[in-house]
Amino acid sequence: MQKARIGIIGGSGLYQMEALKAPEAVSIETPFGLPSGDFILGKLEGVPVAFLSRHGQNHTILPSEINYRANIFAMKKLGVQRILSVSAVGSMKEEIEPGHIVIPDQFYDLTKGRKSTFFGEGLVAHVSMANPVCLEMMETVANMTEEIGGMVHRGGCYLCMEGPQFSTRGESGIHRTWGVSVIGMTNATEAKLAREAEICYVTIALSTDYDCWHISEEPVTVEMILEVLSANVTFSKRLLQSVVQKVDGDRACTCSAALKNAIVTPATAISKDLKQKLKPLIGAYIS
């Protein structure tokens, strides 16, 4: 099924892409259950795109309730080769002000009980996560953010917490000592699964607040976040529209072959049912 080349995952505030031409809602079934909602297929600046609202169209899904495996597996089934993931985050550094854009190149995963792998149940694979985002795509997105007038911070570590509560001051202070750049609740899980699916992945992190470590600022509230987020989302739509053609095309990065040397279970030891279940992921290597 080749329906799209670029996947866009919209986070808080980004529930639709008005610039999509000939939009079509498509429901995708996966062996891992249902995704967050229908995928909206269409063309953005002439490029076939699949858009998904991470938390559902009416924002009804908590970060820990998201079926990440279904979301990424469905992207793979649609033919997606690259994912642009847009997320609201809290800033952990003074210089990353609310309204700024961060394109992180690392993740630290503090989540506790999420399904963050497609493998198991008789098939073992260990993909490399040393560089968890596609560095080529990251550079392209950062350059375009700057080009269209955004304040962009290149690189940095995204700390992924469980949520849904925001941090305590104690947690925020400790996280700051770790040197992380931003804090969010979703993207580390997506990045792991995208790598297993051999899909290039990059995060467009929209800084909405200073978490609660910044003593001269009021503790973060949903109202504060939504106010900054509205402007951020407007900018992110411009960015996506501007960058989609530049990230499209042949891939020369290592993301596209992440599973080549990662599967350690012999093909003869993998059941036919499991091979069929994971065919969109492992079909190039296991028959």
C-alpha atoms as a PDB file:
ATOM      1  CA  MET A   1       0.000   0.000   0.000  1.00  0.00           C
ATOM      2  CA  GLN A   2       1.693   3.193  -1.202  1.00  0.00           C
ATOM      3  CA  LYS A   3      -0.483   6.093  -0.168  1.00  0.00           C
ATOM      4  CA  ALA A   4       1.972   8.569   1.338  1.00  0.00           C
ATOM      5  CA  ARG A   5       5.695   9.267   1.541  1.00  0.00           C
ATOM      6  CA  ILE A   6       5.687  11.762   4.412  1.00  0.00           C
ATOM      7  CA  GLY A   7       3.898  11.277   7.720  1.00  0.00           C
ATOM      8  CA  ILE A   8       2.965  14.200   9.950  1.00  0.00           C
ATOM      9  CA  ILE A   9       2.022  13.576  13.577  1.00  0.00           C
ATOM     10  CA  GLY A  10       0.253  16.528  15.151  1.00  0.00           C
ATOM     11  CA  GLY A  11       0.457  17.052  18.889  1.00  0.00           C
ATOM     12  CA  SER A  12      -1.442  19.356  21.237  1.00  0.00           C
ATOM     13  CA  GLY A  13      -3.110  22.092  19.207  1.00  0.00           C
ATOM     14  CA  LEU A  14      -2.269  20.632  15.796  1.00  0.00           C
ATOM     15  CA  TYR A  15      -5.364  18.637  14.885  1.00  0.00           C
ATOM     16  CA  GLN A  16      -5.655  19.385  11.189  1.00  0.00           C
ATOM     17  CA  MET A  17      -3.680  20.583   8.162  1.00  0.00           C
ATOM     18  CA  GLU A  18      -5.838  23.005   6.187  1.00  0.00           C
ATOM     19  CA  ALA A  19      -3.242  23.189   3.401  1.00  0.00           C
ATOM     20  CA  LEU A  20      -3.708  19.505   2.478  1.00  0.00           C
ATOM     21  CA  LYS A  21      -5.158  19.194  -1.019  1.00  0.00           C
ATOM     22  CA  ALA A  22      -7.903  16.618  -1.700  1.00  0.00           C
ATOM     23  CA  PRO A  23      -7.960  15.354   1.902  1.00  0.00           C
ATOM     24  CA  GLU A  24      -9.338  11.854   2.484  1.00  0.00           C
ATOM     25  CA  ALA A  25      -9.960  10.239   5.861  1.00  0.00           C
ATOM     26  CA  VAL A  26      -8.753   6.640   5.988  1.00  0.00           C
ATOM     27  CA  SER A  27      -9.116   4.108   8.789  1.00  0.00           C
ATOM     28  CA  ILE A  28      -6.164   1.725   9.110  1.00  0.00           C
ATOM     29  CA  GLU A  29      -6.240  -1.579  10.973  1.00  0.00           C
ATOM     30  CA  THR A  30      -3.046  -2.973  12.462  1.00  0.00           C
ATOM     31  CA  PRO A  31      -2.045  -6.149  14.342  1.00  0.00           C
ATOM     32  CA  PHE A  32      -1.516  -3.880  17.349  1.00  0.00           C
ATOM     33  CA  GLY A  33      -5.017  -2.423  17.416  1.00  0.00           C
ATOM     34  CA  LEU A  34      -6.387   0.902  16.252  1.00  0.00           C
ATOM     35  CA  PRO A  35      -4.343   4.089  15.814  1.00  0.00           C
ATOM     36  CA  SER A  36      -5.278   7.375  17.489  1.00  0.00           C
ATOM     37  CA  GLY A  37      -7.836   8.040  14.766  1.00  0.00           C
ATOM     38  CA  ASP A  38      -8.297   8.238  11.020  1.00  0.00           C
ATOM     39  CA  PHE A  39      -5.348   9.246   8.886  1.00  0.00           C
ATOM     40  CA  ILE A  40      -5.962  12.236   6.650  1.00  0.00           C
ATOM     41  CA  LEU A  41      -4.351  11.562   3.292  1.00  0.00           C
ATOM     42  CA  GLY A  42      -3.719  14.321   0.797  1.00  0.00           C
ATOM     43  CA  LYS A  43      -1.027  16.317  -0.929  1.00  0.00           C
ATOM     44  CA  LEU A  44       0.964  19.059   0.747  1.00  0.00           C
ATOM     45  CA  GLU A  45       2.854  21.144  -1.800  1.00  0.00           C
ATOM     46  CA  GLY A  46       2.422  18.221  -4.206  1.00  0.00           C
ATOM     47  CA  VAL A  47       3.862  15.611  -1.828  1.00  0.00           C
ATOM     48  CA  PRO A  48       1.669  12.651  -0.742  1.00  0.00           C
ATOM     49  CA  VAL A  49       1.224  13.066   3.014  1.00  0.00           C
ATOM     50  CA  ALA A  50      -0.492  11.144   5.826  1.00  0.00           C
ATOM     51  CA  PHE A  51      -1.560  13.304   8.768  1.00  0.00           C
ATOM     52  CA  LEU A  52      -2.468  11.872  12.171  1.00  0.00           C
ATOM     53  CA  SER A  53      -3.613  13.698  15.291  1.00  0.00           C
ATOM     54  CA  ARG A  54      -1.654  11.997  18.080  1.00  0.00           C
ATOM     55  CA  HIS A  55      -4.198  12.598  20.842  1.00  0.00           C
ATOM     56  CA  GLY A  56      -7.279  12.184  18.634  1.00  0.00           C
ATOM     57  CA  GLN A  57      -9.236  14.889  16.824  1.00  0.00           C
ATOM     58  CA  ASN A  58     -10.871  16.036  20.057  1.00  0.00           C
ATOM     59  CA  HIS A  59      -7.791  15.476  22.231  1.00  0.00           C
ATOM     60  CA  THR A  60      -9.277  12.560  24.147  1.00  0.00           C
ATOM     61  CA  ILE A  61      -6.177  10.346  24.505  1.00  0.00           C
ATOM     62  CA  LEU A  62      -3.647  10.728  27.326  1.00  0.00           C
ATOM     63  CA  PRO A  63       0.062  10.433  26.418  1.00  0.00           C
ATOM     64  CA  SER A  64       0.248   7.030  28.128  1.00  0.00           C
ATOM     65  CA  GLU A  65      -2.954   5.848  26.426  1.00  0.00           C
ATOM     66  CA  ILE A  66      -1.711   6.490  22.895  1.00  0.00           C
ATOM     67  CA  ASN A  67      -1.364   3.311  20.844  1.00  0.00           C
ATOM     68  CA  TYR A  68       2.076   4.240  19.552  1.00  0.00           C
ATOM     69  CA  ARG A  69       2.654   0.866  17.899  1.00  0.00           C
ATOM     70  CA  ALA A  70      -0.566   1.118  15.902  1.00  0.00           C
ATOM     71  CA  ASN A  71       0.227   4.708  14.878  1.00  0.00           C
ATOM     72  CA  ILE A  72       3.698   3.903  13.531  1.00  0.00           C
ATOM     73  CA  PHE A  73       2.741   0.525  12.045  1.00  0.00           C
ATOM     74  CA  ALA A  74      -0.095   2.199  10.155  1.00  0.00           C
ATOM     75  CA  MET A  75       2.338   4.817   8.839  1.00  0.00           C
ATOM     76  CA  LYS A  76       4.513   1.973   7.568  1.00  0.00           C
ATOM     77  CA  LYS A  77       1.538   0.296   5.891  1.00  0.00           C
ATOM     78  CA  LEU A  78       0.716   3.577   4.146  1.00  0.00           C
ATOM     79  CA  GLY A  79       4.215   3.689   2.665  1.00  0.00           C
ATOM     80  CA  VAL A  80       5.533   6.531   4.833  1.00  0.00           C
ATOM     81  CA  GLN A  81       9.318   6.900   4.715  1.00  0.00           C
ATOM     82  CA  ARG A  82       9.730  10.003   6.882  1.00  0.00           C
ATOM     83  CA  ILE A  83       7.833  11.319   9.897  1.00  0.00           C
ATOM     84  CA  LEU A  84       7.689  14.951  10.983  1.00  0.00           C
ATOM     85  CA  SER A  85       6.463  14.912  14.579  1.00  0.00           C
ATOM     86  CA  VAL A  86       5.152  18.162  16.064  1.00  0.00           C
ATOM     87  CA  SER A  87       4.961  18.392  19.858  1.00  0.00           C
ATOM     88  CA  ALA A  88       4.387  20.927  22.614  1.00  0.00           C
ATOM     89  CA  VAL A  89       7.202  20.854  25.187  1.00  0.00           C
ATOM     90  CA  GLY A  90       8.398  22.601  28.311  1.00  0.00           C
ATOM     91  CA  SER A  91      11.725  24.409  28.182  1.00  0.00           C
ATOM     92  CA  MET A  92      14.459  23.312  30.580  1.00  0.00           C
ATOM     93  CA  LYS A  93      16.915  26.046  29.612  1.00  0.00           C
ATOM     94  CA  GLU A  94      16.738  29.825  30.039  1.00  0.00           C
ATOM     95  CA  GLU A  95      17.701  30.481  26.432  1.00  0.00           C
ATOM     96  CA  ILE A  96      14.848  28.329  25.081  1.00  0.00           C
ATOM     97  CA  GLU A  97      12.036  30.814  25.522  1.00  0.00           C
ATOM     98  CA  PRO A  98       8.318  30.118  25.116  1.00  0.00           C
ATOM     99  CA  GLY A  99       7.597  30.399  21.400  1.00  0.00           C
ATOM    100  CA  HIS A 100      10.990  29.045  20.338  1.00  0.00           C
ATOM    101  CA  ILE A 101      11.416  25.888  18.261  1.00  0.00           C
ATOM    102  CA  VAL A 102      13.769  23.069  19.250  1.00  0.00           C
ATOM    103  CA  ILE A 103      14.874  20.277  16.895  1.00  0.00           C
ATOM    104  CA  PRO A 104      16.334  17.777  19.398  1.00  0.00           C
ATOM    105  CA  ASP A 105      18.837  15.127  18.377  1.00  0.00           C
ATOM    106  CA  GLN A 106      18.608  12.989  21.546  1.00  0.00           C
ATOM    107  CA  PHE A 107      15.995  11.519  23.884  1.00  0.00           C
ATOM    108  CA  TYR A 108      15.974  10.368  27.500  1.00  0.00           C
ATOM    109  CA  ASP A 109      13.055   8.033  28.194  1.00  0.00           C
ATOM    110  CA  LEU A 110      11.571   8.137  31.697  1.00  0.00           C
ATOM    111  CA  THR A 111       8.311   6.415  30.783  1.00  0.00           C
ATOM    112  CA  LYS A 112       7.509   3.270  32.716  1.00  0.00           C
ATOM    113  CA  GLY A 113       4.946   0.971  31.158  1.00  0.00           C
ATOM    114  CA  ARG A 114       4.609   1.718  27.470  1.00  0.00           C
ATOM    115  CA  LYS A 115       4.837  -0.685  24.545  1.00  0.00           C
ATOM    116  CA  SER A 116       7.834   0.755  22.733  1.00  0.00           C
ATOM    117  CA  THR A 117       8.843  -2.165  20.506  1.00  0.00           C
ATOM    118  CA  PHE A 118       7.184  -4.204  17.786  1.00  0.00           C
ATOM    119  CA  PHE A 119       9.247  -7.227  18.706  1.00  0.00           C
ATOM    120  CA  GLY A 120       9.032 -10.013  21.252  1.00  0.00           C
ATOM    121  CA  GLU A 121       6.788 -13.081  21.323  1.00  0.00           C
ATOM    122  CA  GLY A 122       9.432 -15.125  19.516  1.00  0.00           C
ATOM    123  CA  LEU A 123      11.387 -12.515  17.562  1.00  0.00           C
ATOM    124  CA  VAL A 124      14.287 -10.566  19.043  1.00  0.00           C
ATOM    125  CA  ALA A 125      15.718  -7.457  17.362  1.00  0.00           C
ATOM    126  CA  HIS A 126      17.970  -4.724  18.733  1.00  0.00           C
ATOM    127  CA  VAL A 127      18.085  -1.555  16.638  1.00  0.00           C
ATOM    128  CA  SER A 128      20.681   1.137  17.202  1.00  0.00           C
ATOM    129  CA  MET A 129      19.374   4.268  18.907  1.00  0.00           C
ATOM    130  CA  ALA A 130      22.682   6.085  19.271  1.00  0.00           C
ATOM    131  CA  ASN A 131      21.349   8.744  16.922  1.00  0.00           C
ATOM    132  CA  PRO A 132      17.578   8.469  17.489  1.00  0.00           C
ATOM    133  CA  VAL A 133      16.529  11.036  14.895  1.00  0.00           C
ATOM    134  CA  CYS A 134      17.380  11.254  11.212  1.00  0.00           C
ATOM    135  CA  LEU A 135      20.283  13.698  11.244  1.00  0.00           C
ATOM    136  CA  GLU A 136      19.863  14.608   7.576  1.00  0.00           C
ATOM    137  CA  MET A 137      16.195  15.463   8.002  1.00  0.00           C
ATOM    138  CA  MET A 138      16.908  17.263  11.261  1.00  0.00           C
ATOM    139  CA  GLU A 139      19.348  19.615   9.549  1.00  0.00           C
ATOM    140  CA  THR A 140      16.902  20.321   6.724  1.00  0.00           C
ATOM    141  CA  VAL A 141      14.059  21.112   9.142  1.00  0.00           C
ATOM    142  CA  ALA A 142      16.265  23.316  11.323  1.00  0.00           C
ATOM    143  CA  ASN A 143      17.516  25.251   8.306  1.00  0.00           C
ATOM    144  CA  MET A 144      13.984  25.843   7.044  1.00  0.00           C
ATOM    145  CA  THR A 145      12.766  26.942  10.496  1.00  0.00           C
ATOM    146  CA  GLU A 146      15.450  29.599  10.469  1.00  0.00           C
ATOM    147  CA  GLU A 147      14.777  30.546   6.869  1.00  0.00           C
ATOM    148  CA  ILE A 148      11.105  31.359   7.473  1.00  0.00           C
ATOM    149  CA  GLY A 149      11.846  33.418  10.568  1.00  0.00           C
ATOM    150  CA  GLY A 150      11.588  31.019  13.498  1.00  0.00           C
ATOM    151  CA  MET A 151      13.904  31.050  16.501  1.00  0.00           C
ATOM    152  CA  VAL A 152      15.390  27.575  16.331  1.00  0.00           C
ATOM    153  CA  HIS A 153      17.650  25.638  18.692  1.00  0.00           C
ATOM    154  CA  ARG A 154      19.539  22.845  16.920  1.00  0.00           C
ATOM    155  CA  GLY A 155      20.059  19.625  18.815  1.00  0.00           C
ATOM    156  CA  GLY A 156      19.580  18.998  22.509  1.00  0.00           C
ATOM    157  CA  CYS A 157      17.947  16.266  24.568  1.00  0.00           C
ATOM    158  CA  TYR A 158      14.186  15.727  24.838  1.00  0.00           C
ATOM    159  CA  LEU A 159      13.282  14.209  28.220  1.00  0.00           C
ATOM    160  CA  CYS A 160      10.183  12.032  27.847  1.00  0.00           C
ATOM    161  CA  MET A 161       8.148  11.738  31.056  1.00  0.00           C
ATOM    162  CA  GLU A 162       5.049   9.643  31.678  1.00  0.00           C
ATOM    163  CA  GLY A 163       2.561  12.358  32.584  1.00  0.00           C
ATOM    164  CA  PRO A 164      -0.201  13.333  32.399  1.00  0.00           C
ATOM    165  CA  GLN A 165       0.686  15.524  35.379  1.00  0.00           C
ATOM    166  CA  PHE A 166       3.286  18.228  34.870  1.00  0.00           C
ATOM    167  CA  SER A 167       6.520  18.066  36.858  1.00  0.00           C
ATOM    168  CA  THR A 168       6.949  18.902  40.525  1.00  0.00           C
ATOM    169  CA  ARG A 169       9.533  21.602  41.227  1.00  0.00           C
ATOM    170  CA  GLY A 170      11.755  18.875  42.690  1.00  0.00           C
ATOM    171  CA  GLU A 171      11.563  16.784  39.537  1.00  0.00           C
ATOM    172  CA  SER A 172      12.074  19.806  37.313  1.00  0.00           C
ATOM    173  CA  GLY A 173      15.146  20.893  39.273  1.00  0.00           C
ATOM    174  CA  ILE A 174      16.708  17.434  39.062  1.00  0.00           C
ATOM    175  CA  HIS A 175      15.971  17.160  35.343  1.00  0.00           C
ATOM    176  CA  ARG A 176      17.690  20.510  34.827  1.00  0.00           C
ATOM    177  CA  THR A 177      20.889  19.168  36.387  1.00  0.00           C
ATOM    178  CA  TRP A 178      20.902  16.448  33.729  1.00  0.00           C
ATOM    179  CA  GLY A 179      21.372  19.072  31.030  1.00  0.00           C
ATOM    180  CA  VAL A 180      18.245  18.246  29.036  1.00  0.00           C
ATOM    181  CA  SER A 181      16.798  20.890  26.732  1.00  0.00           C
ATOM    182  CA  VAL A 182      13.063  20.223  26.738  1.00  0.00           C
ATOM    183  CA  ILE A 183      10.538  17.969  28.443  1.00  0.00           C
ATOM    184  CA  GLY A 184       7.531  16.267  26.867  1.00  0.00           C
ATOM    185  CA  MET A 185       5.417  13.126  27.148  1.00  0.00           C
ATOM    186  CA  THR A 186       5.377  11.396  23.745  1.00  0.00           C
ATOM    187  CA  ASN A 187       8.302  11.575  21.370  1.00  0.00           C
ATOM    188  CA  ALA A 188      10.829   9.069  22.722  1.00  0.00           C
ATOM    189  CA  THR A 189       8.300   6.272  22.255  1.00  0.00           C
ATOM    190  CA  GLU A 190       7.566   7.358  18.704  1.00  0.00           C
ATOM    191  CA  ALA A 191      11.260   7.628  17.858  1.00  0.00           C
ATOM    192  CA  LYS A 192      11.991   4.070  19.026  1.00  0.00           C
ATOM    193  CA  LEU A 193       9.167   2.575  16.995  1.00  0.00           C
ATOM    194  CA  ALA A 194       9.944   4.674  13.920  1.00  0.00           C
ATOM    195  CA  ARG A 195      13.521   3.363  13.982  1.00  0.00           C
ATOM    196  CA  GLU A 196      12.300  -0.246  14.206  1.00  0.00           C
ATOM    197  CA  ALA A 197       9.999   0.505  11.250  1.00  0.00           C
ATOM    198  CA  GLU A 198      12.966   1.982   9.312  1.00  0.00           C
ATOM    199  CA  ILE A 199      11.178   5.338   9.051  1.00  0.00           C
ATOM    200  CA  CYS A 200      13.196   8.561   9.314  1.00  0.00           C
ATOM    201  CA  TYR A 201      11.981  10.569  12.304  1.00  0.00           C
ATOM    202  CA  VAL A 202      12.423  14.129  13.506  1.00  0.00           C
ATOM    203  CA  THR A 203      10.784  16.129  16.299  1.00  0.00           C
ATOM    204  CA  ILE A 204       9.636  19.715  15.888  1.00  0.00           C
ATOM    205  CA  ALA A 205       9.389  20.712  19.553  1.00  0.00           C
ATOM    206  CA  LEU A 206       7.299  23.804  20.255  1.00  0.00           C
ATOM    207  CA  SER A 207       8.389  25.441  23.508  1.00  0.00           C
ATOM    208  CA  THR A 208       5.295  26.639  25.372  1.00  0.00           C
ATOM    209  CA  ASP A 209       6.576  27.287  28.919  1.00  0.00           C
ATOM    210  CA  TYR A 210       9.460  26.962  31.388  1.00  0.00           C
ATOM    211  CA  ASP A 211       8.039  23.843  33.068  1.00  0.00           C
ATOM    212  CA  CYS A 212       7.995  24.910  36.748  1.00  0.00           C
ATOM    213  CA  TRP A 213      11.695  25.367  37.496  1.00  0.00           C
ATOM    214  CA  HIS A 214      11.744  29.059  36.525  1.00  0.00           C
ATOM    215  CA  ILE A 215      10.953  30.770  39.847  1.00  0.00           C
ATOM    216  CA  SER A 216      10.301  34.151  38.239  1.00  0.00           C
ATOM    217  CA  GLU A 217       7.540  32.577  36.153  1.00  0.00           C
ATOM    218  CA  GLU A 218       4.166  31.292  37.294  1.00  0.00           C
ATOM    219  CA  PRO A 219       3.871  27.487  37.517  1.00  0.00           C
ATOM    220  CA  VAL A 220       2.767  26.062  34.193  1.00  0.00           C
ATOM    221  CA  THR A 221      -0.967  25.784  33.562  1.00  0.00           C
ATOM    222  CA  VAL A 222      -2.947  24.505  30.597  1.00  0.00           C
ATOM    223  CA  GLU A 223      -4.200  28.061  29.925  1.00  0.00           C
ATOM    224  CA  MET A 224      -0.631  29.388  29.665  1.00  0.00           C
ATOM    225  CA  ILE A 225       0.375  26.563  27.341  1.00  0.00           C
ATOM    226  CA  LEU A 226      -2.596  27.005  25.015  1.00  0.00           C
ATOM    227  CA  GLU A 227      -1.954  30.721  24.591  1.00  0.00           C
ATOM    228  CA  VAL A 228       1.632  30.228  23.417  1.00  0.00           C
ATOM    229  CA  LEU A 229       0.729  27.036  21.605  1.00  0.00           C
ATOM    230  CA  SER A 230      -1.727  28.801  19.318  1.00  0.00           C
ATOM    231  CA  ALA A 231       1.050  30.954  17.850  1.00  0.00           C
ATOM    232  CA  ASN A 232       3.444  28.001  17.747  1.00  0.00           C
ATOM    233  CA  VAL A 233       0.975  25.821  15.862  1.00  0.00           C
ATOM    234  CA  THR A 234       0.382  28.525  13.275  1.00  0.00           C
ATOM    235  CA  PHE A 235       4.130  28.709  12.702  1.00  0.00           C
ATOM    236  CA  SER A 236       4.513  24.912  12.615  1.00  0.00           C
ATOM    237  CA  LYS A 237       1.942  24.680   9.819  1.00  0.00           C
ATOM    238  CA  ARG A 238       3.958  27.193   7.793  1.00  0.00           C
ATOM    239  CA  LEU A 239       7.098  25.201   8.518  1.00  0.00           C
ATOM    240  CA  LEU A 240       5.574  21.886   7.465  1.00  0.00           C
ATOM    241  CA  GLN A 241       4.292  23.401   4.256  1.00  0.00           C
ATOM    242  CA  SER A 242       7.700  24.948   3.539  1.00  0.00           C
ATOM    243  CA  VAL A 243       9.836  21.904   4.339  1.00  0.00           C
ATOM    244  CA  VAL A 244       7.850  18.950   3.007  1.00  0.00           C
ATOM    245  CA  GLN A 245       9.308  19.088  -0.511  1.00  0.00           C
ATOM    246  CA  LYS A 246      12.844  19.452   0.825  1.00  0.00           C
ATOM    247  CA  VAL A 247      12.690  16.307   2.977  1.00  0.00           C
ATOM    248  CA  ASP A 248      11.008  14.236   0.263  1.00  0.00           C
ATOM    249  CA  GLY A 249      13.012  12.087  -2.152  1.00  0.00           C
ATOM    250  CA  ASP A 250      15.534   9.260  -2.086  1.00  0.00           C
ATOM    251  CA  ARG A 251      17.063   8.382   1.275  1.00  0.00           C
ATOM    252  CA  ALA A 252      20.821   8.158   1.793  1.00  0.00           C
ATOM    253  CA  CYS A 253      20.657   7.891   5.597  1.00  0.00           C
ATOM    254  CA  THR A 254      21.000   4.732   7.677  1.00  0.00           C
ATOM    255  CA  CYS A 255      17.404   4.892   8.976  1.00  0.00           C
ATOM    256  CA  SER A 256      16.143   2.971   5.950  1.00  0.00           C
ATOM    257  CA  ALA A 257      18.218  -0.108   6.853  1.00  0.00           C
ATOM    258  CA  ALA A 258      17.954  -0.041  10.646  1.00  0.00           C
ATOM    259  CA  LEU A 259      16.810  -3.672  10.824  1.00  0.00           C
ATOM    260  CA  LYS A 260      19.385  -5.062   8.406  1.00  0.00           C
ATOM    261  CA  ASN A 261      21.702  -6.354  11.137  1.00  0.00           C
ATOM    262  CA  ALA A 262      19.347  -5.987  14.096  1.00  0.00           C
ATOM    263  CA  ILE A 263      17.306  -9.215  13.920  1.00  0.00           C
ATOM    264  CA  VAL A 264      19.051 -11.902  15.958  1.00  0.00           C
ATOM    265  CA  THR A 265      16.401 -14.646  15.894  1.00  0.00           C
ATOM    266  CA  PRO A 266      16.968 -17.116  12.993  1.00  0.00           C
ATOM    267  CA  ALA A 267      14.202 -17.086  10.395  1.00  0.00           C
ATOM    268  CA  THR A 268      13.632 -20.805  11.002  1.00  0.00           C
ATOM    269  CA  ALA A 269      12.764 -20.077  14.639  1.00  0.00           C
ATOM    270  CA  ILE A 270      10.105 -17.462  13.828  1.00  0.00           C
ATOM    271  CA  SER A 271       6.538 -18.703  13.458  1.00  0.00           C
ATOM    272  CA  LYS A 272       4.650 -18.208  10.200  1.00  0.00           C
ATOM    273  CA  ASP A 273       1.993 -16.214  12.035  1.00  0.00           C
ATOM    274  CA  LEU A 274       4.571 -13.818  13.477  1.00  0.00           C
ATOM    275  CA  LYS A 275       6.268 -13.436  10.099  1.00  0.00           C
ATOM    276  CA  GLN A 276       2.924 -12.533   8.570  1.00  0.00           C
ATOM    277  CA  LYS A 277       2.033 -10.157  11.399  1.00  0.00           C
ATOM    278  CA  LEU A 278       5.281  -8.219  11.029  1.00  0.00           C
ATOM    279  CA  LYS A 279       5.693  -8.540   7.269  1.00  0.00           C
ATOM    280  CA  PRO A 280       5.549  -4.766   6.607  1.00  0.00           C
ATOM    281  CA  LEU A 281       8.502  -4.385   8.994  1.00  0.00           C
ATOM    282  CA  ILE A 282      10.641  -7.497   8.425  1.00  0.00           C
ATOM    283  CA  GLY A 283       9.586  -8.639   4.947  1.00  0.00           C
ATOM    284  CA  ALA A 284      12.792  -7.353   3.347  1.00  0.00           C
ATOM    285  CA  TYR A 285      14.883  -9.555   5.609  1.00  0.00           C
ATOM    286  CA  ILE A 286      12.740 -12.503   6.723  1.00  0.00           C
ATOM    287  CA  SER A 287      10.615 -14.529   4.279  1.00  0.00           C
END
